[in-house]
Each structure stands twice: as structure tokens, then as C-alpha cells.
Amino acid sequence: MKKQMIVIAMMSLIVTLAGCGAVNDKDKVNNGSTTEKSTVSETSSAEETSSQAENTTESSEINSDTDSKSDKKDDKTENKKVSAVDVSEIVGEWAEYGGAATRFLTINSDAGFEVKSDTGSLIASGTISVNTENGTKKYSFNDSEKGLWYVPFVYAPVAGTDFLQTEENSVYETIRFARNIGDPENVEIDHADFSAILGTWFEEDMAIGRTITVNDDGTYIVTFQGGSSVSGNVTVNAYDDNYYDFCDDGGLWYSFCVIGEGEDQQLYSPSNALEGAVSFGRSPSTASSSGAIDKIAGEWLPNDPTMDFTLVVNNDSTYTFKYNDGRTSSGNIRIEIRDGVEKYNFLDDNGGLWYVPFELRTAGQQVVLITEDNPVYEPVSFSR
């Protein structure tokens, strides 16, 4: 019995020990499984993190590339908006061609320019803009204070000489510059002879009272009664060398010719868009247009019987032709003083001159209104 008890106890111990072994193996399996799962999870998490990092990097690179392309596009757009003005063909020094060499033009590669007189005084400065029309570049010289200087210029090389000149227009005579290569003789500048008009000239109409001083360098100064003055340059007229063109910054002021001799010389201009005919003498004039219209106010009859009208002069400087058939026509009278004589210009409604200027003369006991002496028309006269 005792022996059986021992056997049972031993078998129970063996069973117990066997059970403990089974439990430990199971735990080993579970532990291994947990470790494997943990490793897989960690690997998956690392790969996911890596993938996210790569995606983030790739996204960043794509965004960076997109931004770069966008920046480049903006740069191109910006460059297109502020593209530089191409003035390469006209960059350099230029001297005025024709007449006295009194203006010099400097053009810089940045499209800036300066115009100076031969004394170094600044005439205009600013920037150049370019416009292409029908394949021709037109260069506009824009003064920083006064706006467009003259009209656009065009580059016009002729027979190996570079010229820069104003485009064809109805406002200005052609202004032309030749490329200055150091010596003014190299640009064949015509140094005109101004000896015939040098000195000071006095306006014949003292009611206006201007004076003109012409210098031997081809410059002139106009001084007004109040003391103010304007200046400019003189050149010989391109179409008639008997005329001298007086030009200021606004273009042609007057074209004058010299008439008379000695102290009776006149610097005379037959017409101007703003003021009409004017004249300046060598000595101050005592004549004035003030009150001149009152001298001829009233009715005048033609001395030529074939003229079928009566001339009526009004105190407001207008006149009327009254024809025998009842028709009428009217215009304005402009007065100028030349050689101390009042000249009456009868202008039609379009501003055109009828015949030539008239003046008052005494013929015996009679005062007549008669055309001044001229080689074109026979005298036309009126009596009261």
C-alpha cells in the first residue's frame, strides 16, 4: 500500500512537471509571436514613416520645382514688361547738321539723352522711347520737363554718313544731326555767315517793342519790353539762302530776310502762323500801331472804276466790301510797322492776304490808301 502511494505520488509529480513544461512552451510561442508581430509592426511603421518622408520630400521637390517654374514664368513676364529700349544704332555723339553747329546731342545706351549748345548750356534732356512703324524705328526724345522734343526722329544713313533727322511732318523744318566723330569738319557742318544780321535789331512797332540780338556763333536772344527774354539758334533756310530761320525750343519762330541798306535795313518776315508779318530795324522806331486803325476808319471808294465795291473800315479792325449788287464780304485788318510806316494788311476770312499791304499816302491835296510798291501787282488805291 505504501509502495502504491509512492508510485502515485511520483506519477503526480511527473504529470505536474509535464504540465509546467507545456505552459512554458506556450508562453515561448506567444512571446515569439508577440516579438514577430512587434517587429513587423515596427517595420511597417518605419516603412510608412519613410514613405511619408519620401512623399513629403517628393511633394516638397514638386512644389519647389513648381515654384521655380512659376518664378521663372514671373521673371519672363516681368522681363517682358520692362524690356530695355534698343537705341544701339544711335548711341553716341551727334552734331547738328546745316547752319551753325550750335547744338550737340549725346545718346546713352540706357536710352538717356542730352542736348547742349556749343557753349555747354543744357537745352533738353530725358529718355528715348521707340516705336516701329512699317519697319522703321521712330525715336521720340522725351524731355523730362517739357515733354516731346520736336517730333520723332529716324535714323537715316546716307552715303556712308550717319544722320538722325525728324520724320516728315507739317510742323517743323527738318532737324538733322550727323554723327560726330571728334572733329566738326568730319560731319561737314555748314558754318554759315551771319555777318549780314549780326547785332541788335529793334522792332518797328513800338507798341510791341521787342529787340533781337544776333551773335556771331549763330545764337540769338529776343528781349521783351518787360525784360523777359527767349533764346534760340539761327540757320540759313534750306530752300532759300536769302532767309535766316530763327528757331527756339518750340521750333521755327520766324524766317527773316534783310531788306534795305545801311541804317534803313530791316530784318523782315512776311508771315508767321501766330503774328503775321513783322520787321526789326537797326535803330529804335518812333512809329507805333496804336491808333493806326483810327486813321483809316470810314468809307473808301476805289480809284479804279472797274472795281464794283466800296471799302468800309471799322474801328474794331474789321473791314467790309460792299458790292454794287448788294453782296458783302468781310475780314480783319492786321497792322505792322516797317521803315516807320504803318502797313495795313487786309485779311480774308481764311486769314489770307488780299493783295499786298496798304499804306496811307498824300497825293496832292488828297489822302489815298494805296498798296505798297511791289513788282507783282499794279498799284491799287482808294480815296475817301
Protein backbone atom coordinates (compact mmCIF):
# COMPACT_ATOMS: atom_id res chain seq x y z
CA MET A 1 0.00 0.00 0.00
CA LYS A 2 2.78 2.21 0.94
CA LYS A 3 4.53 1.25 -2.26
CA GLN A 4 1.44 2.21 -4.26
CA MET A 5 1.22 5.55 -2.55
CA ILE A 6 4.82 6.32 -3.53
CA VAL A 7 4.14 5.36 -7.16
CA ILE A 8 1.05 7.58 -7.29
CA ALA A 9 2.99 10.46 -5.78
CA MET A 10 5.73 10.06 -8.36
CA MET A 11 3.30 9.90 -11.24
CA SER A 12 1.56 13.01 -9.94
CA LEU A 13 4.90 14.79 -9.80
CA ILE A 14 5.71 13.73 -13.37
CA VAL A 15 2.32 14.97 -14.58
CA THR A 16 2.87 18.26 -12.78
CA LEU A 17 6.31 18.67 -14.27
CA ALA A 18 4.96 17.82 -17.72
CA GLY A 19 2.23 20.44 -17.34
CA CYS A 20 4.74 23.11 -16.37
CA GLY A 21 6.74 22.32 -19.49
CA ALA A 22 3.67 22.73 -21.68
CA VAL A 23 2.83 26.05 -20.16
CA ASN A 24 6.37 27.35 -20.69
CA ASP A 25 6.38 26.25 -24.36
CA LYS A 26 3.10 28.02 -24.95
CA ASP A 27 4.47 31.16 -23.41
CA LYS A 28 7.53 30.84 -25.63
CA VAL A 29 5.28 30.59 -28.68
CA ASN A 30 3.23 33.55 -27.56
CA ASN A 31 6.31 35.54 -26.76
CA GLY A 32 7.78 34.72 -30.15
CA SER A 33 4.57 35.66 -31.89
CA THR A 34 4.42 38.93 -30.00
CA THR A 35 8.01 39.72 -30.89
CA GLU A 36 7.40 38.87 -34.52
CA LYS A 37 4.27 41.00 -34.59
CA SER A 38 6.12 43.83 -32.90
CA THR A 39 8.93 43.58 -35.43
CA VAL A 40 6.50 43.53 -38.35
CA SER A 41 4.60 46.43 -36.85
CA GLU A 42 7.77 48.40 -36.27
CA THR A 43 8.99 47.63 -39.81
CA SER A 44 5.65 48.61 -41.29
CA SER A 45 5.62 51.77 -39.21
CA ALA A 46 9.19 52.61 -40.28
CA GLU A 47 8.39 51.93 -43.91
CA GLU A 48 5.26 54.05 -43.62
CA THR A 49 7.24 56.83 -41.96
CA SER A 50 9.92 56.54 -44.63
CA SER A 51 7.28 56.51 -47.33
CA GLN A 52 5.67 59.59 -45.80
CA ALA A 53 9.06 61.28 -45.61
CA GLU A 54 9.77 60.38 -49.21
CA ASN A 55 6.33 61.61 -50.23
CA THR A 56 6.88 64.79 -48.26
CA THR A 57 10.30 65.25 -49.86
CA GLU A 58 8.91 64.48 -53.31
CA SER A 59 5.98 66.81 -52.70
CA SER A 60 8.38 69.45 -51.47
CA GLU A 61 10.55 68.96 -54.53
CA ILE A 62 7.50 69.12 -56.81
CA ASN A 63 6.29 72.26 -55.06
CA SER A 64 9.79 73.69 -55.21
CA ASP A 65 10.03 72.85 -58.89
CA THR A 66 6.56 74.32 -59.47
CA ASP A 67 7.53 77.45 -57.55
CA SER A 68 10.76 77.66 -59.51
CA LYS A 69 8.87 77.34 -62.79
CA SER A 70 6.37 79.88 -61.54
CA ASP A 71 9.21 82.22 -60.55
CA LYS A 72 10.81 81.75 -63.96
CA LYS A 73 7.49 82.44 -65.61
CA ASP A 74 7.09 85.56 -63.49
CA ASP A 75 10.64 86.56 -64.36
CA LYS A 76 9.89 86.14 -68.05
CA THR A 77 6.67 88.07 -67.68
CA GLU A 78 8.45 90.76 -65.70
CA ASN A 79 11.30 90.92 -68.21
CA LYS A 80 8.79 91.20 -70.99
CA LYS A 81 7.11 94.11 -69.25
CA VAL A 82 10.32 96.03 -68.62
CA SER A 83 12.25 95.08 -71.73
CA ALA A 84 15.02 97.62 -72.41
CA VAL A 85 14.63 100.21 -75.18
CA ASP A 86 17.00 99.35 -78.02
CA VAL A 87 18.82 102.51 -79.10
CA SER A 88 22.06 100.75 -80.03
CA GLU A 89 22.14 102.06 -83.61
CA ILE A 90 22.05 105.71 -82.48
CA VAL A 91 24.17 105.62 -79.31
CA GLY A 92 26.96 108.20 -79.31
CA GLU A 93 27.67 111.86 -80.03
CA TRP A 94 25.81 113.83 -82.70
CA ALA A 95 26.24 117.37 -84.04
CA GLU A 96 23.55 119.47 -85.72
CA TYR A 97 23.90 119.45 -89.48
CA GLY A 98 23.21 122.58 -91.51
CA GLY A 99 23.65 126.18 -90.41
CA ALA A 100 25.78 126.89 -87.36
CA ALA A 101 26.89 123.95 -85.23
CA THR A 102 25.25 125.18 -82.05
CA ARG A 103 23.56 122.05 -80.75
CA PHE A 104 25.11 118.74 -79.79
CA LEU A 105 23.21 115.56 -78.94
CA THR A 106 24.50 112.80 -76.66
CA ILE A 107 22.66 109.45 -76.62
CA ASN A 108 23.48 106.85 -73.97
CA SER A 109 22.98 103.08 -74.12
CA ASP A 110 20.36 103.30 -71.33
CA ALA A 111 18.18 105.42 -73.68
CA GLY A 112 19.01 108.65 -71.86
CA PHE A 113 19.88 111.76 -73.89
CA GLU A 114 21.12 115.34 -73.55
CA VAL A 115 21.10 118.26 -75.98
CA LYS A 116 23.54 121.10 -75.36
CA SER A 117 24.57 124.28 -77.14
CA ASP A 118 28.16 124.86 -78.18
CA THR A 119 28.59 126.94 -75.02
CA GLY A 120 27.64 123.93 -72.90
CA SER A 121 24.20 125.12 -71.79
CA LEU A 122 21.60 122.37 -71.44
CA ILE A 123 18.76 122.62 -73.97
CA ALA A 124 16.91 119.33 -73.37
CA SER A 125 17.40 116.03 -71.53
CA GLY A 126 15.38 112.94 -70.71
CA THR A 127 14.75 109.47 -72.10
CA ILE A 128 14.11 108.00 -75.54
CA SER A 129 11.15 105.80 -76.43
CA VAL A 130 10.99 103.72 -79.61
CA ASN A 131 8.05 102.91 -81.85
CA THR A 132 8.31 100.85 -85.03
CA GLU A 133 6.06 101.81 -87.94
CA ASN A 134 6.16 99.98 -91.27
CA GLY A 135 9.53 98.52 -90.35
CA THR A 136 11.05 101.91 -89.50
CA LYS A 137 12.14 102.76 -85.96
CA LYS A 138 10.95 106.13 -84.71
CA TYR A 139 12.84 107.60 -81.78
CA SER A 140 10.92 110.01 -79.54
CA PHE A 141 13.13 112.26 -77.42
CA ASN A 142 11.09 112.94 -74.29
CA ASP A 143 12.34 115.88 -72.24
CA SER A 144 11.84 115.26 -68.52
CA GLU A 145 10.16 118.65 -68.05
CA LYS A 146 8.78 119.78 -71.41
CA GLY A 147 7.65 116.51 -72.96
CA LEU A 148 8.34 115.51 -76.58
CA TRP A 149 11.30 117.41 -78.08
CA TYR A 150 10.31 118.21 -81.67
CA VAL A 151 8.70 115.17 -83.36
CA PRO A 152 10.07 111.60 -83.59
CA PHE A 153 13.46 111.18 -85.28
CA VAL A 154 14.51 108.46 -87.70
CA TYR A 155 17.95 107.02 -88.33
CA ALA A 156 18.84 107.76 -91.96
CA PRO A 157 22.40 106.92 -93.06
CA VAL A 158 23.31 108.45 -96.43
CA ALA A 159 26.44 107.72 -98.48
CA GLY A 160 28.41 106.44 -95.53
CA THR A 161 27.39 109.27 -93.18
CA ASP A 162 25.05 108.62 -90.26
CA PHE A 163 22.16 111.05 -89.97
CA LEU A 164 19.43 111.32 -87.35
CA GLN A 165 16.59 113.54 -88.51
CA THR A 166 12.97 114.42 -87.76
CA GLU A 167 10.34 112.42 -89.60
CA GLU A 168 8.35 114.13 -92.34
CA ASN A 169 5.83 116.50 -90.74
CA SER A 170 3.98 119.74 -91.39
CA VAL A 171 5.06 121.49 -88.18
CA TYR A 172 8.85 121.77 -88.24
CA GLU A 173 11.51 122.20 -90.88
CA THR A 174 13.64 119.05 -90.96
CA ILE A 175 16.04 118.98 -87.99
CA ARG A 176 19.11 116.91 -88.82
CA PHE A 177 22.05 115.67 -86.76
CA ALA A 178 25.17 113.94 -88.11
CA ARG A 179 27.27 111.54 -86.07
CA ASN A 180 30.12 113.48 -84.52
CA ILE A 181 33.38 111.55 -84.74
CA GLY A 182 35.53 114.11 -82.97
CA ASP A 183 36.32 116.92 -85.41
CA PRO A 184 33.30 119.01 -86.51
CA GLU A 185 34.82 119.09 -90.01
CA ASN A 186 34.23 115.36 -90.24
CA VAL A 187 30.47 115.88 -90.21
CA GLU A 188 30.61 118.62 -92.86
CA ILE A 189 28.76 121.15 -90.73
CA ASP A 190 27.98 124.32 -92.64
CA HIS A 191 29.31 127.21 -90.61
CA ALA A 192 27.02 129.86 -92.03
CA ASP A 193 27.97 133.51 -92.46
CA PHE A 194 25.76 135.63 -90.19
CA SER A 195 27.62 138.90 -90.76
CA ALA A 196 24.62 140.45 -92.54
CA ILE A 197 22.38 140.13 -89.48
CA LEU A 198 24.81 140.44 -86.55
CA GLY A 199 24.00 142.91 -83.80
CA THR A 200 20.83 144.26 -82.23
CA TRP A 201 17.60 144.90 -84.09
CA PHE A 202 14.64 146.95 -82.79
CA GLU A 203 11.03 146.10 -83.55
CA GLU A 204 9.43 148.71 -85.76
CA ASP A 205 6.16 148.55 -83.87
CA MET A 206 6.95 150.25 -80.55
CA ALA A 207 3.65 149.03 -79.11
CA ILE A 208 5.29 145.59 -79.03
CA GLY A 209 8.84 146.82 -78.53
CA ARG A 210 10.94 143.67 -78.78
CA THR A 211 14.65 143.60 -79.63
CA ILE A 212 16.66 140.82 -81.27
CA THR A 213 20.37 140.38 -80.71
CA VAL A 214 22.15 138.05 -83.14
CA ASN A 215 25.56 136.69 -82.08
CA ASP A 216 28.37 135.54 -84.34
CA ASP A 217 28.05 131.95 -83.04
CA GLY A 218 24.61 131.68 -84.60
CA THR A 219 22.59 132.20 -81.42
CA TYR A 220 20.03 134.94 -80.82
CA ILE A 221 18.18 136.50 -77.88
CA VAL A 222 14.77 138.17 -78.05
CA THR A 223 14.17 140.66 -75.24
CA PHE A 224 10.66 141.90 -74.44
CA GLN A 225 9.61 145.25 -73.02
CA GLY A 226 9.15 143.79 -69.55
CA GLY A 227 12.72 142.48 -69.53
CA SER A 228 11.99 138.79 -70.09
CA SER A 229 13.80 137.02 -72.90
CA VAL A 230 13.94 133.87 -75.00
CA SER A 231 16.85 132.47 -76.98
CA GLY A 232 17.48 130.15 -79.86
CA ASN A 233 19.62 129.42 -82.89
CA VAL A 234 19.84 130.83 -86.40
CA THR A 235 20.34 128.71 -89.51
CA VAL A 236 20.24 129.51 -93.19
CA ASN A 237 16.92 128.46 -94.71
CA ALA A 238 17.26 125.12 -96.52
CA TYR A 239 15.24 126.32 -99.52
CA ASP A 240 16.21 129.99 -99.82
CA ASP A 241 19.61 131.24 -98.63
CA ASN A 242 18.26 134.81 -98.56
CA TYR A 243 16.29 133.84 -95.45
CA TYR A 244 17.51 133.07 -91.94
CA ASP A 245 15.48 130.66 -89.79
CA PHE A 246 15.20 131.68 -86.14
CA CYS A 247 14.39 128.56 -84.12
CA ASP A 248 13.74 128.19 -80.40
CA ASP A 249 12.89 125.06 -78.42
CA GLY A 250 9.38 125.16 -79.87
CA GLY A 251 10.63 125.04 -83.46
CA LEU A 252 10.64 127.75 -86.11
CA TRP A 253 9.87 131.21 -84.70
CA TYR A 254 10.37 133.35 -87.82
CA SER A 255 12.18 133.27 -91.14
CA PHE A 256 13.73 136.70 -91.69
CA CYS A 257 15.34 138.31 -94.72
CA VAL A 258 17.32 141.55 -94.88
CA ILE A 259 15.85 144.39 -96.93
CA GLY A 260 17.09 147.97 -97.39
CA GLU A 261 20.56 149.42 -96.96
CA GLY A 262 22.60 150.95 -94.14
CA GLU A 263 20.53 152.49 -91.36
CA ASP A 264 17.37 151.71 -93.34
CA GLN A 265 18.00 147.97 -93.17
CA GLN A 266 15.11 145.85 -91.99
CA LEU A 267 15.09 142.33 -90.64
CA TYR A 268 11.76 141.44 -92.23
CA SER A 269 9.47 138.42 -92.06
CA PRO A 270 6.49 138.40 -94.41
CA SER A 271 4.47 135.86 -92.45
CA ASN A 272 4.19 133.79 -89.30
CA ALA A 273 1.43 131.46 -88.16
CA LEU A 274 0.88 133.41 -84.92
CA GLU A 275 1.83 137.03 -85.50
CA GLY A 276 1.91 137.72 -89.22
CA ALA A 277 4.47 139.96 -90.87
CA VAL A 278 6.94 141.71 -88.58
CA SER A 279 10.03 143.85 -89.08
CA PHE A 280 13.00 144.98 -87.00
CA GLY A 281 15.23 147.96 -87.79
CA ARG A 282 18.77 148.99 -86.93
CA SER A 283 17.52 151.90 -84.80
CA PRO A 284 14.62 152.16 -82.33
CA SER A 285 11.43 153.13 -84.13
CA THR A 286 9.22 156.02 -83.13
CA ALA A 287 6.24 154.59 -85.00
CA SER A 288 3.51 152.59 -83.33
CA SER A 289 0.44 150.73 -84.47
CA SER A 290 -1.55 152.31 -81.62
CA GLY A 291 -4.30 154.43 -83.11
CA ALA A 292 -3.37 153.41 -86.65
CA ILE A 293 -6.79 151.93 -87.39
CA ASP A 294 -8.49 155.22 -86.50
CA LYS A 295 -6.59 156.89 -89.34
CA ILE A 296 -8.35 154.79 -91.98
CA ALA A 297 -11.72 154.19 -90.34
CA GLY A 298 -14.65 155.06 -92.61
CA GLU A 299 -15.72 154.54 -96.22
CA TRP A 300 -13.32 154.38 -99.17
CA LEU A 301 -14.06 154.40 -102.90
CA PRO A 302 -11.83 152.57 -105.42
CA ASN A 303 -9.85 154.75 -107.83
CA ASP A 304 -10.17 152.01 -110.44
CA PRO A 305 -13.71 152.34 -111.92
CA THR A 306 -13.78 148.63 -112.83
CA MET A 307 -13.91 147.73 -109.12
CA ASP A 308 -17.57 147.34 -108.22
CA PHE A 309 -17.43 147.73 -104.46
CA THR A 310 -16.92 150.19 -101.62
CA LEU A 311 -14.43 149.55 -98.80
CA VAL A 312 -15.69 150.20 -95.26
CA VAL A 313 -13.13 150.16 -92.41
CA ASN A 314 -14.45 149.74 -88.87
CA ASN A 315 -12.81 150.89 -85.63
CA ASP A 316 -12.65 147.30 -84.34
CA SER A 317 -10.03 146.46 -87.03
CA THR A 318 -12.51 144.75 -89.35
CA TYR A 319 -13.48 145.72 -92.89
CA THR A 320 -16.34 145.06 -95.32
CA PHE A 321 -16.55 145.08 -99.11
CA LYS A 322 -19.99 146.31 -100.19
CA TYR A 323 -20.62 145.29 -103.80
CA ASN A 324 -22.91 147.19 -106.14
CA ASP A 325 -25.20 144.17 -106.48
CA GLY A 326 -25.80 144.05 -102.70
CA ARG A 327 -23.31 141.33 -101.80
CA THR A 328 -20.86 141.81 -98.95
CA SER A 329 -17.69 140.14 -97.69
CA SER A 330 -15.69 140.85 -94.57
CA GLY A 331 -12.34 140.25 -92.93
CA ASN A 332 -9.82 141.57 -90.44
CA ILE A 333 -7.06 144.16 -90.67
CA ARG A 334 -3.63 143.50 -89.21
CA ILE A 335 -1.25 146.42 -88.74
CA GLU A 336 2.54 146.28 -88.87
CA ILE A 337 5.24 148.94 -88.89
CA ARG A 338 8.08 148.90 -91.41
CA ASP A 339 10.52 151.72 -92.13
CA GLY A 340 8.50 153.83 -89.72
CA VAL A 341 5.41 153.39 -91.89
CA GLU A 342 2.12 151.82 -90.83
CA LYS A 343 1.21 148.93 -93.09
CA TYR A 344 -2.40 147.71 -93.33
CA ASN A 345 -2.88 144.03 -94.17
CA PHE A 346 -6.39 143.15 -95.35
CA LEU A 347 -7.01 139.50 -94.48
CA ASP A 348 -9.93 137.44 -95.75
CA ASP A 349 -11.97 135.11 -93.54
CA ASN A 350 -9.40 132.36 -94.12
CA GLY A 351 -6.53 134.56 -92.95
CA GLY A 352 -5.17 135.10 -96.48
CA LEU A 353 -3.73 138.46 -97.51
CA TRP A 354 -5.68 140.46 -100.10
CA TYR A 355 -3.12 141.89 -102.50
CA VAL A 356 -0.15 143.25 -100.54
CA PRO A 357 -0.04 145.60 -97.52
CA PHE A 358 -1.62 149.04 -97.97
CA GLU A 359 -0.33 152.35 -96.58
CA LEU A 360 -1.56 155.94 -96.36
CA ARG A 361 -0.01 158.44 -98.76
CA THR A 362 -0.68 162.02 -99.75
CA ALA A 363 -1.34 162.62 -103.43
CA GLY A 364 -1.65 166.38 -103.99
CA GLN A 365 -4.48 167.54 -101.76
CA GLN A 366 -5.81 164.03 -101.36
CA VAL A 367 -5.01 161.22 -98.94
CA VAL A 368 -5.09 157.77 -100.52
CA LEU A 369 -4.97 154.24 -99.17
CA ILE A 370 -2.62 152.53 -101.63
CA THR A 371 -0.72 149.27 -101.95
CA GLU A 372 2.99 149.45 -101.15
CA ASP A 373 5.44 149.33 -104.04
CA ASN A 374 5.95 145.79 -105.32
CA PRO A 375 6.94 144.09 -108.57
CA VAL A 376 3.98 141.71 -108.74
CA TYR A 377 0.80 143.81 -108.67
CA GLU A 378 -0.19 147.08 -110.25
CA PRO A 379 -0.99 149.69 -107.58
CA VAL A 380 -4.47 149.50 -106.07
CA SER A 381 -5.74 152.61 -104.29
CA PHE A 382 -8.79 154.04 -102.56
CA SER A 383 -9.86 157.61 -101.82
CA ARG A 384 -12.38 158.94 -99.34
